[in-house]
Protein backbone atom coordinates (compact mmCIF):
# COMPACT_ATOMS: atom_id res chain seq x y z
CA UNK A 1 -120.41 147.46 -48.97
CA UNK A 2 -122.37 146.98 -51.73
CA UNK A 3 -124.54 144.11 -50.37
CA UNK A 4 -124.28 145.32 -46.27
CA UNK A 5 -126.20 148.47 -47.93
CA UNK A 6 -128.81 146.51 -50.48
CA UNK A 7 -129.37 144.58 -47.02
CA UNK A 8 -130.05 146.61 -44.95
CA UNK A 9 -132.94 148.61 -47.76
CA UNK A 10 -134.13 144.83 -47.86
CA UNK A 11 -133.82 144.99 -43.55
CA UNK A 12 -135.42 148.15 -43.14
CA UNK A 13 -137.48 148.00 -46.54
CA UNK A 14 -139.13 144.96 -44.16
CA UNK A 15 -140.01 146.43 -40.97
CA UNK A 16 -141.56 148.93 -42.53
CA UNK A 17 -143.81 146.44 -44.30
CA UNK A 18 -143.39 144.70 -41.60
CA UNK A 19 -143.97 146.50 -38.02
CA UNK A 20 -147.55 148.79 -39.30
CA UNK A 21 -149.16 144.95 -40.67
CA UNK A 22 -148.40 143.02 -37.00
CA UNK A 23 -148.83 145.94 -35.17
CA UNK A 24 -145.60 146.33 -32.95
CA UNK A 25 -145.58 142.76 -32.01
CA UNK A 26 -142.63 141.84 -33.25
CA UNK A 27 -140.22 145.04 -31.85
CA UNK A 28 -142.84 145.26 -28.18
CA UNK A 29 -141.94 141.49 -27.44
CA UNK A 30 -138.28 142.41 -28.24
CA UNK A 31 -138.95 145.42 -24.65
CA UNK A 32 -141.30 142.69 -22.19
CA UNK A 33 -140.03 143.09 -19.39
CA UNK A 34 -140.66 139.16 -19.92
CA UNK A 35 -138.59 138.57 -22.70
CA UNK A 36 -135.49 140.28 -21.25
CA UNK A 37 -136.28 137.99 -18.28
CA UNK A 38 -135.11 135.27 -20.41
CA UNK A 39 -131.90 136.11 -21.88
CA UNK A 40 -130.92 137.02 -17.76
CA UNK A 41 -131.79 141.13 -17.57
CA UNK A 42 -133.40 142.45 -14.96
CA UNK A 43 -136.57 144.68 -16.67
CA UNK A 44 -136.60 146.75 -13.94
CA UNK A 45 -133.25 148.04 -15.33
CA UNK A 46 -133.56 148.12 -19.06
CA UNK A 47 -137.29 149.70 -19.13
CA UNK A 48 -138.54 150.55 -15.29
CA UNK A 49 -141.57 150.92 -14.27
CA UNK A 50 -143.47 154.46 -14.14
CA UNK A 51 -146.31 155.59 -12.58
CA UNK A 52 -146.00 157.65 -9.28
CA UNK A 53 -146.88 156.82 -5.95
CA UNK A 54 -149.11 158.90 -3.39
CA UNK A 55 -147.92 159.76 -0.10
CA UNK A 56 -150.38 160.73 2.15
CA UNK A 57 -149.57 162.95 5.69
CA UNK A 58 -153.44 162.02 7.20
CA UNK A 59 -153.55 163.61 11.39
CA UNK A 60 -156.39 161.50 12.35
CA UNK A 61 -155.70 163.90 15.80
CA UNK A 62 -156.76 166.52 17.13
CA UNK A 63 -154.22 169.22 16.96
CA UNK A 64 -152.49 170.77 13.71
CA UNK A 65 -149.15 168.11 12.90
CA UNK A 66 -146.33 168.01 10.85
CA UNK A 67 -145.13 165.08 9.02
CA UNK A 68 -141.63 164.20 7.94
CA UNK A 69 -140.47 160.79 5.58
CA UNK A 70 -138.10 159.80 3.47
CA UNK A 71 -137.87 157.93 -0.09
CA UNK A 72 -134.48 156.86 -0.54
CA UNK A 73 -133.52 155.88 -4.75
CA UNK A 74 -131.08 153.37 -4.76
CA UNK A 75 -130.22 150.62 -2.63
CA UNK A 76 -127.25 152.35 -1.07
CA UNK A 77 -128.36 154.97 -0.42
CA UNK A 78 -131.49 152.85 1.20
CA UNK A 79 -128.55 151.15 3.27
CA UNK A 80 -126.65 153.99 4.27
CA UNK A 81 -129.12 157.07 4.36
CA UNK A 82 -127.43 159.25 2.12
CA UNK A 83 -127.72 159.80 -1.16
CA UNK A 84 -129.61 159.47 -3.86
CA UNK A 85 -133.01 160.68 -1.11
CA UNK A 86 -135.55 163.20 -1.19
CA UNK A 87 -137.03 164.56 2.37
CA UNK A 88 -140.44 164.85 1.93
CA UNK A 89 -142.59 167.22 5.07
CA UNK A 90 -145.40 168.21 6.32
CA UNK A 91 -146.35 171.11 8.00
CA UNK A 92 -149.70 171.85 9.73
CA UNK A 93 -151.68 169.15 8.55
CA UNK A 94 -155.02 170.15 10.33
CA UNK A 95 -156.17 167.97 12.80
CA UNK A 96 -158.31 165.27 10.87
CA UNK A 97 -157.16 166.93 7.97
CA UNK A 98 -154.51 164.68 4.95
CA UNK A 99 -151.92 166.64 2.63
CA UNK A 100 -150.93 163.96 -0.54
CA UNK A 101 -147.44 164.54 -2.35
CA UNK A 102 -146.52 162.89 -5.61
CA UNK A 103 -142.95 160.96 -6.39
CA UNK A 104 -142.34 159.58 -8.82
CA UNK A 105 -141.55 156.17 -9.32
CA UNK A 106 -139.65 154.41 -9.96
CA UNK A 107 -138.33 154.31 -6.22
CA UNK A 108 -136.11 151.50 -3.20
CA UNK A 109 -138.91 152.70 -0.43
CA UNK A 110 -140.53 155.45 1.64
CA UNK A 111 -139.11 155.52 6.20
CA UNK A 112 -141.75 157.80 7.55
CA UNK A 113 -138.85 159.44 10.45
CA UNK A 114 -141.36 161.32 12.78
CA UNK A 115 -144.65 163.83 13.70
CA UNK A 116 -145.05 166.77 16.11
CA UNK A 117 -148.38 167.40 17.43
CA UNK A 118 -149.65 170.38 18.65
CA UNK A 119 -151.41 169.55 22.52
CA UNK A 120 -152.82 171.17 25.44
CA UNK A 121 -149.64 170.79 26.98
CA UNK A 122 -146.81 171.96 24.23
CA UNK A 123 -145.35 169.65 22.04
CA UNK A 124 -145.38 165.81 20.96
CA UNK A 125 -142.25 164.28 19.20
CA UNK A 126 -143.52 161.43 17.54
CA UNK A 127 -141.00 159.36 16.16
CA UNK A 128 -141.59 155.87 13.49
CA UNK A 129 -140.55 152.52 15.27
CA UNK A 130 -141.64 150.09 11.96
CA UNK A 131 -138.99 149.28 8.92
CA UNK A 132 -139.51 151.69 6.04
CA UNK A 133 -142.54 150.34 2.99
CA UNK A 134 -140.58 148.70 0.47
CA UNK A 135 -141.10 149.38 -2.87
CA UNK A 136 -141.67 146.15 -5.10
CA UNK A 137 -142.16 144.07 -1.67
CA UNK A 138 -145.32 146.42 0.06
CA UNK A 139 -146.22 148.43 -2.70
CA UNK A 140 -146.13 149.30 -6.25
CA UNK A 141 -147.23 152.45 -8.57
CA UNK A 142 -149.90 153.61 -8.28
CA UNK A 143 -151.32 153.26 -5.19
CA UNK A 144 -150.59 155.48 -2.30
CA UNK A 145 -148.86 154.42 1.26
CA UNK A 146 -150.47 156.71 3.38
CA UNK A 147 -148.82 157.46 6.95
CA UNK A 148 -150.99 158.82 9.64
CA UNK A 149 -151.16 159.09 12.67
CA UNK A 150 -153.37 158.73 15.30
CA UNK A 151 -154.51 159.67 19.06
CA UNK A 152 -155.40 156.51 21.87
CA UNK A 153 -155.98 155.80 25.17
CA UNK A 154 -152.88 155.07 27.33
CA UNK A 155 -153.79 152.62 29.97
CA UNK A 156 -153.01 155.22 33.23
CA UNK A 157 -156.05 157.44 31.14
CA UNK A 158 -153.65 159.94 29.54
CA UNK A 159 -153.42 160.70 25.55
CA UNK A 160 -150.88 159.06 23.84
CA UNK A 161 -149.99 158.80 19.78
CA UNK A 162 -149.05 156.03 17.38
CA UNK A 163 -147.33 156.59 13.37
CA UNK A 164 -149.30 154.74 11.91
CA UNK A 165 -148.53 153.08 7.67
CA UNK A 166 -150.86 152.28 5.19
CA UNK A 167 -151.00 151.22 1.89
CA UNK A 168 -153.71 151.91 -0.28
CA UNK A 169 -154.37 149.81 -3.22
CA UNK A 170 -154.16 151.36 -6.68
CA UNK A 171 -155.94 150.91 -9.65
């Protein structure tokens, strides 16, 4: 055991001298995503992405609006809609204004669920017909996921509403 202790002391002493002189290059290489990928590891499971995504609920109508969206944190929750999920809501968003919420990365997707707008005829309820936006494909940490509701003119001259999703890249 004395040999092992001596060897361990030499390794620790070498690292103590080497790391400050090299600026932790070797240590950083050990946890770099590229190095982990070459070994067959998924870097996201070892060193997950950090940062935040801003979810912006934008009301482009003339009435008061409410929004809801589902954030999924795992592939299983994304498939079933249950489990590791969080519902974001924003109520009483004034006409022409935006309400923002911040979500920590990483997560799987943002799925706009529905919208409600106060009109002169009552409450208009709109469901989102599009697909969820996916982390890594549609947006990344640092981006803004803008979910908006807008008034659109219908062919018959009445007012309709349209749900939109736009990704604003972060810096």
